[in-house]
Amino acid sequence: MLDKLKKLIDVKSIVTLLLTIVVCILTLKGQFDIKEIYLMIIAFYFGTQHQKNNGKKEE
């Protein structure tokens, strides 16, 4: 349990969560519409995580 919490507390995870919260709030207010940019950021983050996990399995 503590190991999973440690993994959540890294810079990329914190930035991703903050970006998600800010985008949600601004979108609900109608002041923000960057769906394409946001989706690219999230896809890049999860793509690198997936690649990193696959690299560990092959070793």
PDB file of N, CA and C in Angstrom:
ATOM      1  N   MET A   1       0.827  -1.195   0.000  1.00  0.00           N
ATOM      2  CA  MET A   1       0.000   0.000   0.000  1.00  0.00           C
ATOM      3  C   MET A   1       0.864   1.249   0.000  1.00  0.00           C
ATOM      4  N   LEU A   2       1.867   1.271   0.861  1.00  0.00           N
ATOM      5  CA  LEU A   2       2.752   2.428   0.952  1.00  0.00           C
ATOM      6  C   LEU A   2       3.576   2.587  -0.322  1.00  0.00           C
ATOM      7  N   ASP A   3       3.945   1.464  -0.955  1.00  0.00           N
ATOM      8  CA  ASP A   3       4.696   1.526  -2.207  1.00  0.00           C
ATOM      9  C   ASP A   3       3.865   2.154  -3.320  1.00  0.00           C
ATOM     10  N   LYS A   4       2.590   1.806  -3.384  1.00  0.00           N
ATOM     11  CA  LYS A   4       1.719   2.389  -4.394  1.00  0.00           C
ATOM     12  C   LYS A   4       1.561   3.888  -4.185  1.00  0.00           C
ATOM     13  N   LEU A   5       1.476   4.313  -2.937  1.00  0.00           N
ATOM     14  CA  LEU A   5       1.370   5.738  -2.633  1.00  0.00           C
ATOM     15  C   LEU A   5       2.645   6.469  -3.036  1.00  0.00           C
ATOM     16  N   LYS A   6       3.788   5.854  -2.811  1.00  0.00           N
ATOM     17  CA  LYS A   6       5.064   6.458  -3.212  1.00  0.00           C
ATOM     18  C   LYS A   6       5.143   6.627  -4.727  1.00  0.00           C
ATOM     19  N   LYS A   7       4.615   5.653  -5.464  1.00  0.00           N
ATOM     20  CA  LYS A   7       4.640   5.733  -6.919  1.00  0.00           C
ATOM     21  C   LYS A   7       3.744   6.855  -7.430  1.00  0.00           C
ATOM     22  N   LEU A   8       2.657   7.136  -6.712  1.00  0.00           N
ATOM     23  CA  LEU A   8       1.767   8.219  -7.124  1.00  0.00           C
ATOM     24  C   LEU A   8       2.376   9.593  -6.898  1.00  0.00           C
ATOM     25  N   ILE A   9       3.271   9.667  -5.935  1.00  0.00           N
ATOM     26  CA  ILE A   9       3.842  10.958  -5.580  1.00  0.00           C
ATOM     27  C   ILE A   9       5.167  11.145  -6.313  1.00  0.00           C
ATOM     28  N   ASP A  10       5.088  11.355  -7.621  1.00  0.00           N
ATOM     29  CA  ASP A  10       6.253  11.788  -8.372  1.00  0.00           C
ATOM     30  C   ASP A  10       5.834  12.989  -9.208  1.00  0.00           C
ATOM     31  N   VAL A  11       6.783  13.659  -9.783  1.00  0.00           N
ATOM     32  CA  VAL A  11       6.508  14.934 -10.439  1.00  0.00           C
ATOM     33  C   VAL A  11       5.514  14.779 -11.585  1.00  0.00           C
ATOM     34  N   LYS A  12       5.689  13.747 -12.413  1.00  0.00           N
ATOM     35  CA  LYS A  12       4.789  13.574 -13.557  1.00  0.00           C
ATOM     36  C   LYS A  12       3.355  13.343 -13.116  1.00  0.00           C
ATOM     37  N   SER A  13       3.171  12.550 -12.080  1.00  0.00           N
ATOM     38  CA  SER A  13       1.816  12.270 -11.602  1.00  0.00           C
ATOM     39  C   SER A  13       1.160  13.515 -11.017  1.00  0.00           C
ATOM     40  N   ILE A  14       1.928  14.266 -10.253  1.00  0.00           N
ATOM     41  CA  ILE A  14       1.381  15.490  -9.658  1.00  0.00           C
ATOM     42  C   ILE A  14       1.004  16.489 -10.738  1.00  0.00           C
ATOM     43  N   VAL A  15       1.881  16.664 -11.747  1.00  0.00           N
ATOM     44  CA  VAL A  15       1.593  17.596 -12.840  1.00  0.00           C
ATOM     45  C   VAL A  15       0.357  17.141 -13.606  1.00  0.00           C
ATOM     46  N   THR A  16       0.253  15.856 -13.870  1.00  0.00           N
ATOM     47  CA  THR A  16      -0.902  15.340 -14.605  1.00  0.00           C
ATOM     48  C   THR A  16      -2.199  15.565 -13.842  1.00  0.00           C
ATOM     49  N   LEU A  17      -2.186  15.290 -12.548  1.00  0.00           N
ATOM     50  CA  LEU A  17      -3.392  15.491 -11.742  1.00  0.00           C
ATOM     51  C   LEU A  17      -3.768  16.972 -11.669  1.00  0.00           C
ATOM     52  N   LEU A  18      -2.787  17.837 -11.474  1.00  0.00           N
ATOM     53  CA  LEU A  18      -3.069  19.272 -11.429  1.00  0.00           C
ATOM     54  C   LEU A  18      -3.596  19.779 -12.768  1.00  0.00           C
ATOM     55  N   LEU A  19      -3.005  19.317 -13.857  1.00  0.00           N
ATOM     56  CA  LEU A  19      -3.475  19.714 -15.178  1.00  0.00           C
ATOM     57  C   LEU A  19      -4.915  19.267 -15.398  1.00  0.00           C
ATOM     58  N   THR A  20      -5.230  18.055 -14.972  1.00  0.00           N
ATOM     59  CA  THR A  20      -6.589  17.544 -15.113  1.00  0.00           C
ATOM     60  C   THR A  20      -7.583  18.395 -14.326  1.00  0.00           C
ATOM     61  N   ILE A  21      -7.238  18.741 -13.109  1.00  0.00           N
ATOM     62  CA  ILE A  21      -8.125  19.549 -12.269  1.00  0.00           C
ATOM     63  C   ILE A  21      -8.331  20.933 -12.868  1.00  0.00           C
ATOM     64  N   VAL A  22      -7.249  21.574 -13.308  1.00  0.00           N
ATOM     65  CA  VAL A  22      -7.344  22.919 -13.881  1.00  0.00           C
ATOM     66  C   VAL A  22      -8.177  22.905 -15.153  1.00  0.00           C
ATOM     67  N   VAL A  23      -7.941  21.932 -16.025  1.00  0.00           N
ATOM     68  CA  VAL A  23      -8.697  21.851 -17.276  1.00  0.00           C
ATOM     69  C   VAL A  23     -10.176  21.622 -16.993  1.00  0.00           C
ATOM     70  N   CYS A  24     -10.490  20.763 -16.035  1.00  0.00           N
ATOM     71  CA  CYS A  24     -11.894  20.510 -15.691  1.00  0.00           C
ATOM     72  C   CYS A  24     -12.574  21.776 -15.180  1.00  0.00           C
ATOM     73  N   ILE A  25     -11.928  22.479 -14.285  1.00  0.00           N
ATOM     74  CA  ILE A  25     -12.517  23.688 -13.714  1.00  0.00           C
ATOM     75  C   ILE A  25     -12.723  24.755 -14.782  1.00  0.00           C
ATOM     76  N   LEU A  26     -11.701  25.010 -15.593  1.00  0.00           N
ATOM     77  CA  LEU A  26     -11.815  26.052 -16.617  1.00  0.00           C
ATOM     78  C   LEU A  26     -12.798  25.676 -17.712  1.00  0.00           C
ATOM     79  N   THR A  27     -12.883  24.397 -18.039  1.00  0.00           N
ATOM     80  CA  THR A  27     -13.847  23.960 -19.045  1.00  0.00           C
ATOM     81  C   THR A  27     -15.272  24.134 -18.532  1.00  0.00           C
ATOM     82  N   LEU A  28     -15.508  23.806 -17.267  1.00  0.00           N
ATOM     83  CA  LEU A  28     -16.840  23.982 -16.700  1.00  0.00           C
ATOM     84  C   LEU A  28     -17.237  25.456 -16.658  1.00  0.00           C
ATOM     85  N   LYS A  29     -16.276  26.334 -16.462  1.00  0.00           N
ATOM     86  CA  LYS A  29     -16.557  27.774 -16.472  1.00  0.00           C
ATOM     87  C   LYS A  29     -16.725  28.304 -17.894  1.00  0.00           C
ATOM     88  N   GLY A  30     -16.351  27.522 -18.882  1.00  0.00           N
ATOM     89  CA  GLY A  30     -16.482  27.937 -20.270  1.00  0.00           C
ATOM     90  C   GLY A  30     -15.345  28.833 -20.725  1.00  0.00           C
ATOM     91  N   GLN A  31     -14.245  28.842 -20.015  1.00  0.00           N
ATOM     92  CA  GLN A  31     -13.138  29.729 -20.341  1.00  0.00           C
ATOM     93  C   GLN A  31     -11.994  29.008 -21.044  1.00  0.00           C
ATOM     94  N   PHE A  32     -12.119  27.732 -21.273  1.00  0.00           N
ATOM     95  CA  PHE A  32     -10.968  26.960 -21.711  1.00  0.00           C
ATOM     96  C   PHE A  32     -11.419  25.845 -22.626  1.00  0.00           C
ATOM     97  N   ASP A  33     -10.748  25.665 -23.757  1.00  0.00           N
ATOM     98  CA  ASP A  33     -11.084  24.555 -24.646  1.00  0.00           C
ATOM     99  C   ASP A  33      -9.823  24.099 -25.372  1.00  0.00           C
ATOM    100  N   ILE A  34      -9.062  23.241 -24.749  1.00  0.00           N
ATOM    101  CA  ILE A  34      -7.836  22.729 -25.365  1.00  0.00           C
ATOM    102  C   ILE A  34      -7.857  21.203 -25.385  1.00  0.00           C
ATOM    103  N   LYS A  35      -8.939  20.638 -25.811  1.00  0.00           N
ATOM    104  CA  LYS A  35      -9.071  19.180 -25.778  1.00  0.00           C
ATOM    105  C   LYS A  35      -7.931  18.466 -26.500  1.00  0.00           C
ATOM    106  N   GLU A  36      -7.559  18.962 -27.682  1.00  0.00           N
ATOM    107  CA  GLU A  36      -6.524  18.281 -28.457  1.00  0.00           C
ATOM    108  C   GLU A  36      -5.187  18.306 -27.734  1.00  0.00           C
ATOM    109  N   ILE A  37      -4.794  19.449 -27.204  1.00  0.00           N
ATOM    110  CA  ILE A  37      -3.520  19.561 -26.501  1.00  0.00           C
ATOM    111  C   ILE A  37      -3.538  18.695 -25.252  1.00  0.00           C
ATOM    112  N   TYR A  38      -4.615  18.757 -24.503  1.00  0.00           N
ATOM    113  CA  TYR A  38      -4.724  17.969 -23.283  1.00  0.00           C
ATOM    114  C   TYR A  38      -4.654  16.479 -23.586  1.00  0.00           C
ATOM    115  N   LEU A  39      -5.355  16.049 -24.629  1.00  0.00           N
ATOM    116  CA  LEU A  39      -5.337  14.629 -24.987  1.00  0.00           C
ATOM    117  C   LEU A  39      -3.942  14.184 -25.417  1.00  0.00           C
ATOM    118  N   MET A  40      -3.201  15.055 -26.097  1.00  0.00           N
ATOM    119  CA  MET A  40      -1.830  14.706 -26.474  1.00  0.00           C
ATOM    120  C   MET A  40      -0.947  14.548 -25.244  1.00  0.00           C
ATOM    121  N   ILE A  41      -1.123  15.423 -24.260  1.00  0.00           N
ATOM    122  CA  ILE A  41      -0.330  15.343 -23.035  1.00  0.00           C
ATOM    123  C   ILE A  41      -0.626  14.038 -22.301  1.00  0.00           C
ATOM    124  N   ILE A  42      -1.897  13.726 -22.132  1.00  0.00           N
ATOM    125  CA  ILE A  42      -2.282  12.505 -21.436  1.00  0.00           C
ATOM    126  C   ILE A  42      -1.820  11.266 -22.214  1.00  0.00           C
ATOM    127  N   ALA A  43      -1.977  11.271 -23.537  1.00  0.00           N
ATOM    128  CA  ALA A  43      -1.544  10.135 -24.344  1.00  0.00           C
ATOM    129  C   ALA A  43      -0.037   9.940 -24.241  1.00  0.00           C
ATOM    130  N   PHE A  44       0.713  11.033 -24.250  1.00  0.00           N
ATOM    131  CA  PHE A  44       2.163  10.922 -24.108  1.00  0.00           C
ATOM    132  C   PHE A  44       2.529  10.346 -22.751  1.00  0.00           C
ATOM    133  N   TYR A  45       1.883  10.825 -21.704  1.00  0.00           N
ATOM    134  CA  TYR A  45       2.188  10.337 -20.357  1.00  0.00           C
ATOM    135  C   TYR A  45       1.917   8.846 -20.239  1.00  0.00           C
ATOM    136  N   PHE A  46       0.716   8.420 -20.637  1.00  0.00           N
ATOM    137  CA  PHE A  46       0.385   7.007 -20.514  1.00  0.00           C
ATOM    138  C   PHE A  46       1.176   6.150 -21.502  1.00  0.00           C
ATOM    139  N   GLY A  47       1.528   6.717 -22.654  1.00  0.00           N
ATOM    140  CA  GLY A  47       2.355   5.986 -23.617  1.00  0.00           C
ATOM    141  C   GLY A  47       3.741   5.717 -23.069  1.00  0.00           C
ATOM    142  N   THR A  48       4.332   6.708 -22.413  1.00  0.00           N
ATOM    143  CA  THR A  48       5.657   6.496 -21.835  1.00  0.00           C
ATOM    144  C   THR A  48       5.592   5.528 -20.658  1.00  0.00           C
ATOM    145  N   GLN A  49       4.533   5.589 -19.876  1.00  0.00           N
ATOM    146  CA  GLN A  49       4.376   4.652 -18.766  1.00  0.00           C
ATOM    147  C   GLN A  49       4.228   3.229 -19.301  1.00  0.00           C
ATOM    148  N   HIS A  50       3.444   3.062 -20.360  1.00  0.00           N
ATOM    149  CA  HIS A  50       3.235   1.742 -20.958  1.00  0.00           C
ATOM    150  C   HIS A  50       4.548   1.200 -21.514  1.00  0.00           C
ATOM    151  N   GLN A  51       5.310   2.061 -22.194  1.00  0.00           N
ATOM    152  CA  GLN A  51       6.588   1.651 -22.760  1.00  0.00           C
ATOM    153  C   GLN A  51       7.565   1.265 -21.644  1.00  0.00           C
ATOM    154  N   LYS A  52       7.562   2.033 -20.572  1.00  0.00           N
ATOM    155  CA  LYS A  52       8.449   1.740 -19.447  1.00  0.00           C
ATOM    156  C   LYS A  52       8.088   0.390 -18.818  1.00  0.00           C
ATOM    157  N   ASN A  53       6.796   0.124 -18.656  1.00  0.00           N
ATOM    158  CA  ASN A  53       6.352  -1.150 -18.074  1.00  0.00           C
ATOM    159  C   ASN A  53       6.660  -2.326 -18.984  1.00  0.00           C
ATOM    160  N   ASN A  54       6.526  -2.163 -20.287  1.00  0.00           N
ATOM    161  CA  ASN A  54       6.857  -3.246 -21.222  1.00  0.00           C
ATOM    162  C   ASN A  54       8.343  -3.531 -21.226  1.00  0.00           C
ATOM    163  N   GLY A  55       9.167  -2.509 -21.049  1.00  0.00           N
ATOM    164  CA  GLY A  55      10.612  -2.697 -20.998  1.00  0.00           C
ATOM    165  C   GLY A  55      11.025  -3.514 -19.790  1.00  0.00           C
ATOM    166  N   LYS A  56      10.340  -3.358 -18.680  1.00  0.00           N
ATOM    167  CA  LYS A  56      10.643  -4.117 -17.468  1.00  0.00           C
ATOM    168  C   LYS A  56      10.253  -5.577 -17.620  1.00  0.00           C
ATOM    169  N   LYS A  57       9.150  -5.858 -18.327  1.00  0.00           N
ATOM    170  CA  LYS A  57       8.674  -7.235 -18.487  1.00  0.00           C
ATOM    171  C   LYS A  57       9.615  -8.037 -19.376  1.00  0.00           C
ATOM    172  N   GLU A  58      10.229  -7.404 -20.389  1.00  0.00           N
ATOM    173  CA  GLU A  58      11.082  -8.110 -21.324  1.00  0.00           C
ATOM    174  C   GLU A  58      12.417  -8.504 -20.698  1.00  0.00           C
ATOM    175  N   GLU A  59      12.862  -7.797 -19.679  1.00  0.00           N
ATOM    176  CA  GLU A  59      14.153  -8.094 -19.052  1.00  0.00           C
ATOM    177  C   GLU A  59      14.106  -9.329 -18.282  1.00  0.00           C
TER     178      GLU A  59
END
